[in-house]
């Protein structure tokens, strides 16, 4: 049985995005829901350009693919943390580290 997720496009790397607004990823909406405890209605209030059906589809996709989306979120946090650490290094040190890496 194949399940379709209206309003979503799943990229070749496995990340899911809104079809109508491709820059909005399922993982982003899930992070907002987790961080703020927002309901679908509240997410739509915070982001009035989103349609309730899109947010519901994103949450459904998350619950059906929770492990994959959670991995995507963890990887995003890791990359963000790495970038923050690099930004704290003096430019000369960062340049040398990139040269030897």
N, C-alpha and C. Protein backbone atom coordinates (compact mmCIF):
# COMPACT_ATOMS: atom_id res chain seq x y z
N UNK A 1 0.84 -1.18 0.00
CA UNK A 1 0.00 0.00 0.00
C UNK A 1 0.89 1.24 0.00
N UNK A 2 0.62 2.13 -0.92
CA UNK A 2 1.38 3.36 -1.04
C UNK A 2 0.57 4.50 -0.42
N UNK A 3 1.23 5.28 0.42
CA UNK A 3 0.57 6.41 1.07
C UNK A 3 1.05 7.68 0.37
N UNK A 4 0.12 8.54 0.02
CA UNK A 4 0.52 9.82 -0.55
C UNK A 4 0.31 10.91 0.49
N UNK A 5 1.09 11.92 0.37
CA UNK A 5 1.01 13.05 1.29
C UNK A 5 0.71 14.30 0.48
N UNK A 6 -0.57 14.65 0.40
CA UNK A 6 -0.91 15.84 -0.38
C UNK A 6 -0.21 17.06 0.21
N UNK A 7 0.15 17.95 -0.65
CA UNK A 7 0.80 19.21 -0.28
C UNK A 7 2.29 19.07 -0.02
N UNK A 8 2.83 17.84 -0.08
CA UNK A 8 4.25 17.63 0.21
C UNK A 8 4.97 17.04 -0.98
N UNK A 9 6.27 17.34 -1.06
CA UNK A 9 7.17 16.73 -2.02
C UNK A 9 8.31 16.15 -1.21
N UNK A 10 8.64 14.89 -1.47
CA UNK A 10 9.77 14.25 -0.79
C UNK A 10 10.96 14.28 -1.74
N UNK A 11 12.02 14.92 -1.32
CA UNK A 11 13.22 15.08 -2.14
C UNK A 11 13.99 13.76 -2.20
N UNK A 12 14.94 13.69 -3.12
CA UNK A 12 15.73 12.47 -3.28
C UNK A 12 16.55 12.16 -2.03
N UNK A 13 16.89 13.18 -1.24
CA UNK A 13 17.64 12.95 0.00
C UNK A 13 16.73 12.53 1.16
N UNK A 14 15.43 12.45 0.90
CA UNK A 14 14.48 12.00 1.92
C UNK A 14 13.82 13.12 2.69
N UNK A 15 14.28 14.36 2.53
CA UNK A 15 13.63 15.45 3.25
C UNK A 15 12.34 15.82 2.55
N UNK A 16 11.34 16.14 3.35
CA UNK A 16 10.02 16.49 2.80
C UNK A 16 9.82 17.99 2.91
N UNK A 17 9.21 18.55 1.87
CA UNK A 17 8.97 19.98 1.78
C UNK A 17 7.53 20.23 1.35
N UNK A 18 7.06 21.44 1.60
CA UNK A 18 5.75 21.81 1.09
C UNK A 18 5.86 21.98 -0.42
N UNK A 19 4.87 21.49 -1.13
CA UNK A 19 4.87 21.60 -2.58
C UNK A 19 4.70 23.06 -3.02
N UNK A 20 3.81 23.77 -2.38
CA UNK A 20 3.49 25.15 -2.76
C UNK A 20 4.59 26.13 -2.37
N UNK A 21 5.26 25.86 -1.25
CA UNK A 21 6.33 26.74 -0.76
C UNK A 21 7.54 25.85 -0.43
N UNK A 22 8.34 25.52 -1.43
CA UNK A 22 9.41 24.53 -1.25
C UNK A 22 10.44 24.87 -0.18
N UNK A 23 10.59 26.12 0.18
CA UNK A 23 11.59 26.46 1.21
C UNK A 23 11.13 26.06 2.61
N UNK A 24 9.85 25.67 2.76
CA UNK A 24 9.33 25.25 4.07
C UNK A 24 9.42 23.73 4.14
N UNK A 25 10.27 23.26 5.07
CA UNK A 25 10.47 21.82 5.23
C UNK A 25 9.64 21.28 6.39
N UNK A 26 9.29 20.01 6.30
CA UNK A 26 8.56 19.35 7.38
C UNK A 26 9.35 19.47 8.67
N UNK A 27 10.65 19.25 8.61
CA UNK A 27 11.49 19.31 9.82
C UNK A 27 11.39 20.67 10.50
N UNK A 28 11.29 21.75 9.72
CA UNK A 28 11.17 23.08 10.32
C UNK A 28 9.86 23.22 11.10
N UNK A 29 8.78 22.75 10.50
CA UNK A 29 7.48 22.83 11.18
C UNK A 29 7.46 21.98 12.44
N UNK A 30 8.08 20.82 12.36
CA UNK A 30 8.15 19.94 13.53
C UNK A 30 8.98 20.60 14.64
N UNK A 31 10.08 21.24 14.27
CA UNK A 31 10.90 21.93 15.29
C UNK A 31 10.12 23.04 15.96
N UNK A 32 9.32 23.78 15.19
CA UNK A 32 8.47 24.81 15.79
C UNK A 32 7.47 24.20 16.75
N UNK A 33 6.87 23.10 16.34
CA UNK A 33 5.87 22.44 17.19
C UNK A 33 6.53 21.96 18.48
N UNK A 34 7.71 21.37 18.37
CA UNK A 34 8.41 20.86 19.56
C UNK A 34 8.90 21.98 20.47
N UNK A 35 9.50 23.00 19.87
CA UNK A 35 10.11 24.07 20.66
C UNK A 35 9.07 24.92 21.37
N UNK A 36 7.94 25.16 20.71
CA UNK A 36 6.95 26.09 21.25
C UNK A 36 5.67 25.41 21.72
N UNK A 37 5.52 24.13 21.41
CA UNK A 37 4.29 23.44 21.77
C UNK A 37 3.09 23.90 20.96
N UNK A 38 3.37 24.42 19.76
CA UNK A 38 2.30 24.97 18.93
C UNK A 38 1.43 23.89 18.32
N UNK A 39 0.15 24.14 18.29
CA UNK A 39 -0.79 23.29 17.56
C UNK A 39 -0.71 23.67 16.08
N UNK A 40 -1.40 22.90 15.25
CA UNK A 40 -1.48 23.25 13.83
C UNK A 40 -2.09 24.63 13.66
N UNK A 41 -3.15 24.91 14.41
CA UNK A 41 -3.78 26.24 14.32
C UNK A 41 -2.81 27.35 14.69
N UNK A 42 -2.01 27.13 15.73
CA UNK A 42 -1.06 28.16 16.15
C UNK A 42 0.05 28.34 15.12
N UNK A 43 0.52 27.24 14.54
CA UNK A 43 1.53 27.35 13.47
C UNK A 43 0.98 28.20 12.33
N UNK A 44 -0.29 27.98 11.98
CA UNK A 44 -0.92 28.77 10.91
C UNK A 44 -1.09 30.23 11.32
N UNK A 45 -1.32 30.49 12.59
CA UNK A 45 -1.39 31.88 13.04
C UNK A 45 -0.02 32.56 12.97
N UNK A 46 1.01 31.81 13.34
CA UNK A 46 2.36 32.35 13.32
C UNK A 46 2.89 32.54 11.89
N UNK A 47 2.45 31.67 11.00
CA UNK A 47 2.87 31.70 9.59
C UNK A 47 1.62 31.76 8.71
N UNK A 48 1.03 32.93 8.58
CA UNK A 48 -0.25 33.04 7.87
C UNK A 48 -0.19 32.66 6.40
N UNK A 49 1.00 32.53 5.84
CA UNK A 49 1.12 32.10 4.44
C UNK A 49 0.92 30.59 4.29
N UNK A 50 0.89 29.86 5.41
CA UNK A 50 0.67 28.41 5.35
C UNK A 50 -0.81 28.09 5.46
N UNK A 51 -1.22 27.06 4.75
CA UNK A 51 -2.59 26.60 4.81
C UNK A 51 -2.68 25.46 5.84
N UNK A 52 -3.79 25.39 6.59
CA UNK A 52 -3.92 24.32 7.59
C UNK A 52 -3.70 22.92 6.99
N UNK A 53 -4.18 22.68 5.79
CA UNK A 53 -4.00 21.36 5.18
C UNK A 53 -2.53 21.04 4.96
N UNK A 54 -1.72 22.05 4.66
CA UNK A 54 -0.28 21.84 4.47
C UNK A 54 0.39 21.45 5.79
N UNK A 55 0.02 22.14 6.84
CA UNK A 55 0.62 21.84 8.15
C UNK A 55 0.16 20.48 8.65
N UNK A 56 -1.10 20.16 8.47
CA UNK A 56 -1.59 18.83 8.85
C UNK A 56 -0.86 17.74 8.06
N UNK A 57 -0.66 17.95 6.77
CA UNK A 57 0.07 16.97 5.95
C UNK A 57 1.50 16.80 6.46
N UNK A 58 2.13 17.91 6.84
CA UNK A 58 3.49 17.86 7.36
C UNK A 58 3.55 17.05 8.67
N UNK A 59 2.60 17.28 9.55
CA UNK A 59 2.58 16.55 10.82
C UNK A 59 2.27 15.06 10.60
N UNK A 60 1.39 14.77 9.67
CA UNK A 60 1.10 13.37 9.34
C UNK A 60 2.36 12.69 8.81
N UNK A 61 3.04 13.38 7.91
CA UNK A 61 4.29 12.83 7.36
C UNK A 61 5.28 12.58 8.50
N UNK A 62 5.39 13.52 9.41
CA UNK A 62 6.32 13.35 10.53
C UNK A 62 6.00 12.09 11.33
N UNK A 63 4.74 11.90 11.68
CA UNK A 63 4.40 10.73 12.49
C UNK A 63 4.57 9.43 11.74
N UNK A 64 4.44 9.46 10.42
CA UNK A 64 4.67 8.25 9.62
C UNK A 64 6.15 8.01 9.35
N UNK A 65 6.99 9.05 9.46
CA UNK A 65 8.43 8.95 9.16
C UNK A 65 9.25 9.60 10.27
N UNK A 66 8.84 9.37 11.48
CA UNK A 66 9.43 10.06 12.63
C UNK A 66 10.94 9.87 12.74
N UNK A 67 11.42 8.65 12.57
CA UNK A 67 12.86 8.40 12.72
C UNK A 67 13.67 9.21 11.70
N UNK A 68 13.23 9.22 10.46
CA UNK A 68 13.96 9.94 9.41
C UNK A 68 13.94 11.45 9.65
N UNK A 69 12.80 11.99 10.03
CA UNK A 69 12.70 13.43 10.27
C UNK A 69 13.51 13.80 11.52
N UNK A 70 13.46 12.98 12.54
CA UNK A 70 14.27 13.24 13.74
C UNK A 70 15.76 13.23 13.41
N UNK A 71 16.19 12.31 12.53
CA UNK A 71 17.61 12.30 12.10
C UNK A 71 17.95 13.59 11.36
N UNK A 72 17.04 14.04 10.50
CA UNK A 72 17.25 15.29 9.77
C UNK A 72 17.39 16.47 10.74
N UNK A 73 16.56 16.49 11.76
CA UNK A 73 16.62 17.56 12.76
C UNK A 73 17.94 17.50 13.54
N UNK A 74 18.33 16.30 13.96
CA UNK A 74 19.61 16.16 14.69
C UNK A 74 20.78 16.61 13.84
N UNK A 75 20.78 16.25 12.55
CA UNK A 75 21.86 16.65 11.65
C UNK A 75 21.88 18.17 11.48
N UNK A 76 20.72 18.77 11.36
CA UNK A 76 20.65 20.22 11.24
C UNK A 76 21.22 20.90 12.49
N UNK A 77 20.88 20.37 13.65
CA UNK A 77 21.41 20.93 14.91
C UNK A 77 22.93 20.76 14.97
N UNK A 78 23.42 19.60 14.52
CA UNK A 78 24.87 19.36 14.53
C UNK A 78 25.58 20.35 13.62
N UNK A 79 25.05 20.54 12.41
CA UNK A 79 25.66 21.49 11.48
C UNK A 79 25.62 22.91 12.03
N UNK A 80 24.52 23.26 12.66
CA UNK A 80 24.39 24.59 13.25
C UNK A 80 25.40 24.77 14.38
N UNK A 81 25.55 23.74 15.20
CA UNK A 81 26.51 23.79 16.31
C UNK A 81 27.94 23.91 15.78
N UNK A 82 28.26 23.12 14.74
CA UNK A 82 29.59 23.19 14.13
C UNK A 82 29.86 24.58 13.56
N UNK A 83 28.87 25.16 12.90
CA UNK A 83 29.03 26.50 12.32
C UNK A 83 29.24 27.53 13.42
N UNK A 84 28.52 27.38 14.51
CA UNK A 84 28.68 28.31 15.63
C UNK A 84 30.09 28.23 16.21
N UNK A 85 30.59 27.02 16.34
CA UNK A 85 31.94 26.85 16.88
C UNK A 85 32.98 27.45 15.94
N UNK A 86 32.80 27.26 14.63
CA UNK A 86 33.72 27.82 13.65
C UNK A 86 33.68 29.34 13.69
N UNK A 87 32.49 29.89 13.87
CA UNK A 87 32.34 31.35 13.88
C UNK A 87 33.05 31.97 15.07
N UNK A 88 33.24 31.20 16.14
CA UNK A 88 33.89 31.72 17.34
C UNK A 88 35.40 31.72 17.22
N UNK A 89 35.95 30.97 16.27
CA UNK A 89 37.40 30.93 16.13
C UNK A 89 37.89 32.20 15.45
N UNK A 90 39.04 32.68 15.87
CA UNK A 90 39.62 33.81 15.14
C UNK A 90 39.84 33.40 13.68
N UNK A 91 39.64 34.30 12.73
CA UNK A 91 39.71 33.95 11.30
C UNK A 91 40.99 33.23 10.90
N UNK A 92 42.14 33.61 11.44
CA UNK A 92 43.40 32.97 11.05
C UNK A 92 43.41 31.50 11.48
N UNK A 93 42.91 31.22 12.67
CA UNK A 93 42.86 29.84 13.16
C UNK A 93 41.89 29.03 12.32
N UNK A 94 40.72 29.58 12.04
CA UNK A 94 39.72 28.88 11.23
C UNK A 94 40.29 28.56 9.85
N UNK A 95 41.00 29.51 9.24
CA UNK A 95 41.60 29.29 7.92
C UNK A 95 42.62 28.16 7.97
N UNK A 96 43.48 28.16 9.00
CA UNK A 96 44.48 27.09 9.14
C UNK A 96 43.83 25.73 9.34
N UNK A 97 42.78 25.69 10.13
CA UNK A 97 42.08 24.42 10.36
C UNK A 97 41.47 23.90 9.07
N UNK A 98 40.91 24.79 8.27
CA UNK A 98 40.33 24.36 6.99
C UNK A 98 41.41 23.85 6.05
N UNK A 99 42.60 24.45 6.10
CA UNK A 99 43.70 24.04 5.21
C UNK A 99 44.21 22.64 5.55
N UNK A 100 44.21 22.29 6.83
CA UNK A 100 44.75 20.97 7.21
C UNK A 100 43.67 19.89 7.23
N UNK A 101 42.39 20.29 7.14
CA UNK A 101 41.30 19.31 7.20
C UNK A 101 41.16 18.56 5.90
